Amino acid sequence: MNTVLAIGMPSGVEWIVIGLVVVVFFGAKRIPEIARGLGKGIREFKDATKDIKNEIDEGGKSNK
């Protein structure tokens, strides 16, 4: 059981190390661009899943 917890989410210090590695690799100027791109991708994914759910719901209503 303890080994499962060791593989879990990073703690506070680990997040700081991850953040420093990201800044070193990408630079401080590129991080906002990466975050914007990630946000747009997540938004497009949510919109696509919402459209698919609506199509499924409409298809179910027309069959009744």
N, C-alpha and C. Protein backbone atom coordinates (compact mmCIF):
# COMPACT_ATOMS: atom_id res chain seq x y z
N MET A 1 0.82 -1.19 0.00
CA MET A 1 0.00 0.00 0.00
C MET A 1 0.86 1.25 0.00
N ASN A 2 1.97 1.24 0.74
CA ASN A 2 2.83 2.41 0.79
C ASN A 2 3.53 2.67 -0.53
N THR A 3 3.81 1.62 -1.31
CA THR A 3 4.47 1.83 -2.60
C THR A 3 3.54 2.54 -3.58
N VAL A 4 2.23 2.33 -3.44
CA VAL A 4 1.28 3.02 -4.30
C VAL A 4 1.30 4.51 -3.99
N LEU A 5 1.39 4.86 -2.73
CA LEU A 5 1.43 6.26 -2.33
C LEU A 5 2.71 6.95 -2.81
N ALA A 6 3.80 6.21 -2.90
CA ALA A 6 5.07 6.79 -3.34
C ALA A 6 5.03 7.16 -4.81
N ILE A 7 4.14 6.54 -5.59
CA ILE A 7 4.05 6.81 -7.02
C ILE A 7 3.01 7.89 -7.30
N GLY A 8 2.31 8.38 -6.30
CA GLY A 8 1.20 9.32 -6.46
C GLY A 8 1.63 10.70 -6.94
N MET A 9 0.83 11.69 -6.61
CA MET A 9 1.07 13.07 -7.04
C MET A 9 2.32 13.64 -6.39
N PRO A 10 3.00 14.55 -7.11
CA PRO A 10 4.19 15.18 -6.53
C PRO A 10 3.84 16.09 -5.36
N SER A 11 4.76 16.21 -4.42
CA SER A 11 4.56 17.09 -3.27
C SER A 11 5.02 18.50 -3.62
N GLY A 12 5.02 19.40 -2.66
CA GLY A 12 5.37 20.80 -2.88
C GLY A 12 6.77 21.00 -3.43
N VAL A 13 7.75 20.33 -2.83
CA VAL A 13 9.14 20.49 -3.27
C VAL A 13 9.31 19.94 -4.68
N GLU A 14 8.65 18.84 -4.99
CA GLU A 14 8.76 18.25 -6.32
C GLU A 14 8.16 19.17 -7.38
N TRP A 15 7.06 19.87 -7.05
CA TRP A 15 6.47 20.83 -8.00
C TRP A 15 7.44 21.98 -8.28
N ILE A 16 8.15 22.42 -7.26
CA ILE A 16 9.14 23.50 -7.45
C ILE A 16 10.25 23.03 -8.38
N VAL A 17 10.74 21.83 -8.18
CA VAL A 17 11.80 21.28 -9.05
C VAL A 17 11.29 21.15 -10.48
N ILE A 18 10.07 20.66 -10.65
CA ILE A 18 9.49 20.54 -11.99
C ILE A 18 9.37 21.91 -12.64
N GLY A 19 8.92 22.91 -11.88
CA GLY A 19 8.81 24.27 -12.41
C GLY A 19 10.16 24.83 -12.83
N LEU A 20 11.19 24.61 -12.05
CA LEU A 20 12.53 25.09 -12.40
C LEU A 20 13.04 24.41 -13.66
N VAL A 21 12.79 23.12 -13.80
CA VAL A 21 13.22 22.40 -15.00
C VAL A 21 12.51 22.96 -16.24
N VAL A 22 11.22 23.25 -16.11
CA VAL A 22 10.47 23.81 -17.24
C VAL A 22 11.03 25.18 -17.62
N VAL A 23 11.33 26.01 -16.64
CA VAL A 23 11.89 27.34 -16.94
C VAL A 23 13.25 27.22 -17.60
N VAL A 24 14.07 26.29 -17.16
CA VAL A 24 15.40 26.11 -17.75
C VAL A 24 15.29 25.64 -19.19
N PHE A 25 14.41 24.67 -19.45
CA PHE A 25 14.30 24.12 -20.80
C PHE A 25 13.61 25.06 -21.78
N PHE A 26 12.55 25.72 -21.36
CA PHE A 26 11.75 26.53 -22.29
C PHE A 26 12.01 28.02 -22.17
N GLY A 27 12.49 28.49 -21.06
CA GLY A 27 12.70 29.91 -20.86
C GLY A 27 11.41 30.57 -20.38
N ALA A 28 11.57 31.67 -19.67
CA ALA A 28 10.42 32.34 -19.06
C ALA A 28 9.50 32.96 -20.11
N LYS A 29 10.02 33.34 -21.27
CA LYS A 29 9.19 33.99 -22.29
C LYS A 29 8.29 32.99 -23.01
N ARG A 30 8.68 31.73 -23.10
CA ARG A 30 7.89 30.73 -23.83
C ARG A 30 6.77 30.11 -22.99
N ILE A 31 6.86 30.19 -21.68
CA ILE A 31 5.88 29.53 -20.81
C ILE A 31 4.47 30.07 -21.03
N PRO A 32 4.23 31.40 -21.13
CA PRO A 32 2.86 31.86 -21.41
C PRO A 32 2.32 31.36 -22.75
N GLU A 33 3.17 31.26 -23.76
CA GLU A 33 2.74 30.75 -25.06
C GLU A 33 2.32 29.28 -24.95
N ILE A 34 3.08 28.51 -24.21
CA ILE A 34 2.77 27.10 -24.02
C ILE A 34 1.45 26.96 -23.25
N ALA A 35 1.26 27.79 -22.23
CA ALA A 35 0.03 27.73 -21.43
C ALA A 35 -1.19 28.11 -22.28
N ARG A 36 -1.04 29.13 -23.14
CA ARG A 36 -2.15 29.51 -24.02
C ARG A 36 -2.49 28.39 -24.98
N GLY A 37 -1.49 27.77 -25.56
CA GLY A 37 -1.73 26.66 -26.47
C GLY A 37 -2.40 25.48 -25.77
N LEU A 38 -1.97 25.19 -24.56
CA LEU A 38 -2.58 24.12 -23.79
C LEU A 38 -4.03 24.45 -23.46
N GLY A 39 -4.30 25.70 -23.10
CA GLY A 39 -5.67 26.12 -22.80
C GLY A 39 -6.58 26.02 -24.01
N LYS A 40 -6.08 26.41 -25.18
CA LYS A 40 -6.87 26.30 -26.41
C LYS A 40 -7.16 24.84 -26.73
N GLY A 41 -6.18 23.99 -26.55
CA GLY A 41 -6.38 22.57 -26.81
C GLY A 41 -7.42 21.96 -25.89
N ILE A 42 -7.37 22.31 -24.62
CA ILE A 42 -8.36 21.80 -23.66
C ILE A 42 -9.75 22.32 -24.01
N ARG A 43 -9.85 23.60 -24.39
CA ARG A 43 -11.14 24.17 -24.77
C ARG A 43 -11.73 23.48 -25.99
N GLU A 44 -10.90 23.22 -27.00
CA GLU A 44 -11.36 22.52 -28.20
C GLU A 44 -11.82 21.10 -27.86
N PHE A 45 -11.11 20.44 -26.97
CA PHE A 45 -11.49 19.09 -26.57
C PHE A 45 -12.83 19.10 -25.86
N LYS A 46 -13.04 20.06 -24.95
CA LYS A 46 -14.32 20.15 -24.25
C LYS A 46 -15.46 20.44 -25.21
N ASP A 47 -15.22 21.35 -26.17
CA ASP A 47 -16.26 21.66 -27.16
C ASP A 47 -16.60 20.44 -27.99
N ALA A 48 -15.60 19.68 -28.40
CA ALA A 48 -15.83 18.49 -29.21
C ALA A 48 -16.62 17.45 -28.43
N THR A 49 -16.28 17.24 -27.16
CA THR A 49 -17.02 16.27 -26.37
C THR A 49 -18.46 16.73 -26.13
N LYS A 50 -18.65 18.04 -25.96
CA LYS A 50 -20.01 18.55 -25.78
C LYS A 50 -20.83 18.36 -27.05
N ASP A 51 -20.23 18.60 -28.22
CA ASP A 51 -20.92 18.40 -29.49
C ASP A 51 -21.31 16.93 -29.68
N ILE A 52 -20.40 16.04 -29.37
CA ILE A 52 -20.68 14.61 -29.51
C ILE A 52 -21.80 14.20 -28.57
N LYS A 53 -21.77 14.69 -27.33
CA LYS A 53 -22.83 14.37 -26.37
C LYS A 53 -24.18 14.88 -26.86
N ASN A 54 -24.20 16.10 -27.42
CA ASN A 54 -25.45 16.65 -27.95
C ASN A 54 -25.98 15.82 -29.11
N GLU A 55 -25.08 15.38 -30.00
CA GLU A 55 -25.50 14.54 -31.12
C GLU A 55 -26.08 13.22 -30.64
N ILE A 56 -25.47 12.63 -29.64
CA ILE A 56 -25.96 11.37 -29.08
C ILE A 56 -27.33 11.58 -28.44
N ASP A 57 -27.48 12.67 -27.69
CA ASP A 57 -28.77 12.95 -27.05
C ASP A 57 -29.87 13.19 -28.10
N GLU A 58 -29.55 13.95 -29.15
CA GLU A 58 -30.53 14.22 -30.20
C GLU A 58 -30.90 12.93 -30.96
N GLY A 59 -29.91 12.08 -31.17
CA GLY A 59 -30.18 10.81 -31.85
C GLY A 59 -31.08 9.91 -31.02
N GLY A 60 -30.90 9.95 -29.71
CA GLY A 60 -31.74 9.15 -28.83
C GLY A 60 -33.17 9.66 -28.79
N LYS A 61 -33.34 10.98 -28.89
CA LYS A 61 -34.68 11.56 -28.87
C LYS A 61 -35.43 11.27 -30.16
N SER A 62 -34.73 11.24 -31.29
CA SER A 62 -35.40 11.00 -32.57
C SER A 62 -35.83 9.55 -32.74
N ASN A 63 -35.18 8.63 -32.02
CA ASN A 63 -35.53 7.21 -32.12
C ASN A 63 -36.77 6.86 -31.31
N LYS A 64 -37.17 7.73 -30.41
CA LYS A 64 -38.34 7.42 -29.56
C LYS A 64 -39.62 7.84 -30.18
